[in-house]
C-alpha atoms as a PDB file:
ATOM      1  CA  MET A   1     -12.815  92.169 -24.641  1.00  0.00           C
ATOM      2  CA  GLU A   2     -14.882  91.206 -21.601  1.00  0.00           C
ATOM      3  CA  ASN A   3     -12.135  92.513 -19.316  1.00  0.00           C
ATOM      4  CA  MET A   4     -12.285  95.863 -21.100  1.00  0.00           C
ATOM      5  CA  ASP A   5     -16.077  96.002 -20.744  1.00  0.00           C
ATOM      6  CA  GLU A   6     -15.766  95.237 -17.052  1.00  0.00           C
ATOM      7  CA  ASN A   7     -13.192  97.999 -16.645  1.00  0.00           C
ATOM      8  CA  VAL A   8     -15.442 100.476 -18.431  1.00  0.00           C
ATOM      9  CA  LYS A   9     -18.353  99.472 -16.214  1.00  0.00           C
ATOM     10  CA  LYS A  10     -16.230  99.884 -13.048  1.00  0.00           C
ATOM     11  CA  TYR A  11     -15.010 103.245 -14.290  1.00  0.00           C
ATOM     12  CA  GLU A  12     -18.569 104.442 -14.897  1.00  0.00           C
ATOM     13  CA  GLU A  13     -19.594 103.244 -11.427  1.00  0.00           C
ATOM     14  CA  LEU A  14     -16.681 105.150  -9.886  1.00  0.00           C
ATOM     15  CA  LEU A  15     -17.677 108.275 -11.794  1.00  0.00           C
ATOM     16  CA  ALA A  16     -21.245 107.940 -10.529  1.00  0.00           C
ATOM     17  CA  GLN A  17     -20.013 107.517  -6.950  1.00  0.00           C
ATOM     18  CA  ALA A  18     -17.714 110.523  -7.300  1.00  0.00           C
ATOM     19  CA  GLU A  19     -20.628 112.604  -8.593  1.00  0.00           C
ATOM     20  CA  LYS A  20     -22.753 111.580  -5.597  1.00  0.00           C
ATOM     21  CA  VAL A  21     -19.949 112.559  -3.214  1.00  0.00           C
ATOM     22  CA  LYS A  22     -19.536 115.889  -4.989  1.00  0.00           C
ATOM     23  CA  GLN A  23     -23.275 116.619  -4.849  1.00  0.00           C
ATOM     24  CA  SER A  24     -23.352 115.715  -1.174  1.00  0.00           C
ATOM     25  CA  ALA A  25     -20.452 118.093  -0.476  1.00  0.00           C
ATOM     26  CA  ILE A  26     -22.203 120.875  -2.399  1.00  0.00           C
ATOM     27  CA  GLU A  27     -25.414 120.360  -0.409  1.00  0.00           C
ATOM     28  CA  GLU A  28     -23.459 120.466   2.861  1.00  0.00           C
ATOM     29  CA  LEU A  29     -21.695 123.688   1.859  1.00  0.00           C
ATOM     30  CA  LEU A  30     -24.982 125.300   0.843  1.00  0.00           C
ATOM     31  CA  SER A  31     -26.473 124.307   4.183  1.00  0.00           C
ATOM     32  CA  GLN A  32     -23.525 125.892   5.991  1.00  0.00           C
ATOM     33  CA  LYS A  33     -23.887 129.014   3.843  1.00  0.00           C
ATOM     34  CA  LYS A  34     -27.538 129.386   4.837  1.00  0.00           C
ATOM     35  CA  THR A  35     -26.585 129.113   8.502  1.00  0.00           C
ATOM     36  CA  ILE A  36     -23.801 131.659   8.133  1.00  0.00           C
ATOM     37  CA  ASP A  37     -26.036 134.047   6.164  1.00  0.00           C
ATOM     38  CA  ALA A  38     -28.664 133.849   8.914  1.00  0.00           C
ATOM     39  CA  LYS A  39     -26.071 134.630  11.589  1.00  0.00           C
ATOM     40  CA  LEU A  40     -24.725 137.552   9.556  1.00  0.00           C
ATOM     41  CA  ALA A  41     -28.260 138.907   9.132  1.00  0.00           C
ATOM     42  CA  GLN A  42     -28.683 138.848  12.917  1.00  0.00           C
ATOM     43  CA  TYR A  43     -25.718 141.226  13.143  1.00  0.00           C
ATOM     44  CA  GLY A  44     -27.099 143.479  10.435  1.00  0.00           C
ATOM     45  CA  TYR A  45     -24.833 142.360   7.602  1.00  0.00           C
ATOM     46  CA  MET A  46     -26.958 141.924   4.500  1.00  0.00           C
ATOM     47  CA  GLY A  47     -24.414 141.408   1.735  1.00  0.00           C
ATOM     48  CA  LYS A  48     -21.209 142.723   0.354  1.00  0.00           C
ATOM     49  CA  ALA A  49     -20.200 146.016   1.819  1.00  0.00           C
ATOM     50  CA  THR A  50     -19.464 148.403  -0.980  1.00  0.00           C
ATOM     51  CA  VAL A  51     -17.888 151.772  -0.688  1.00  0.00           C
ATOM     52  CA  ILE A  52     -19.354 154.331  -3.028  1.00  0.00           C
ATOM     53  CA  ARG A  53     -16.697 156.799  -3.950  1.00  0.00           C
ATOM     54  CA  LYS A  54     -17.405 160.093  -5.561  1.00  0.00           C
ATOM     55  CA  ARG A  55     -15.371 160.835  -8.628  1.00  0.00           C
ATOM     56  CA  ALA A  56     -13.186 163.857  -8.612  1.00  0.00           C
ATOM     57  CA  PRO A  57     -14.540 166.572 -10.887  1.00  0.00           C
ATOM     58  CA  LYS A  58     -13.203 166.495 -14.409  1.00  0.00           C
ATOM     59  CA  LYS A  59     -10.122 168.627 -14.693  1.00  0.00           C
ATOM     60  CA  CYS A  60      -8.520 169.703 -17.923  1.00  0.00           C
ATOM     61  CA  ARG A  61      -4.870 168.737 -18.436  1.00  0.00           C
ATOM     62  CA  VAL A  62      -4.324 171.673 -20.790  1.00  0.00           C
ATOM     63  CA  CYS A  63      -5.606 174.648 -18.795  1.00  0.00           C
ATOM     64  CA  GLY A  64      -6.153 173.064 -15.368  1.00  0.00           C
ATOM     65  CA  THR A  65      -9.751 174.180 -14.902  1.00  0.00           C
ATOM     66  CA  GLU A  66     -12.600 171.920 -13.875  1.00  0.00           C
ATOM     67  CA  GLY A  67     -15.643 171.098 -15.945  1.00  0.00           C
ATOM     68  CA  HIS A  68     -14.078 169.865 -19.156  1.00  0.00           C
ATOM     69  CA  THR A  69     -11.256 167.655 -20.398  1.00  0.00           C
ATOM     70  CA  ALA A  70      -8.259 168.299 -22.626  1.00  0.00           C
ATOM     71  CA  ARG A  71     -10.173 166.979 -25.619  1.00  0.00           C
ATOM     72  CA  THR A  72     -12.832 169.683 -25.281  1.00  0.00           C
ATOM     73  CA  CYS A  73     -10.621 172.469 -23.906  1.00  0.00           C
ATOM     74  CA  PRO A  74     -11.468 175.872 -25.405  1.00  0.00           C
ATOM     75  CA  GLN A  75      -7.851 177.024 -25.030  1.00  0.00           C
ATOM     76  CA  LYS A  76      -6.555 174.123 -27.082  1.00  0.00           C
ATOM     77  CA  GLN A  77      -8.273 175.301 -30.245  1.00  0.00           C
END
């Protein structure tokens, strides 16, 4: 039973060490991100570039005119 307790204790210590390594890696990555963000800001890049696309006007599939859809088409009724 003592051997099992020792193994559990070693396992918990390894988990704690792994968590410290993981936290250290996260801190390093965040530090790198801050540096990269600062460099990007110098070049005028302030975030994700998004393209705003205008939607095509609604066009009816029944009569082909713009401004309404097939569901509300006056010719359908």
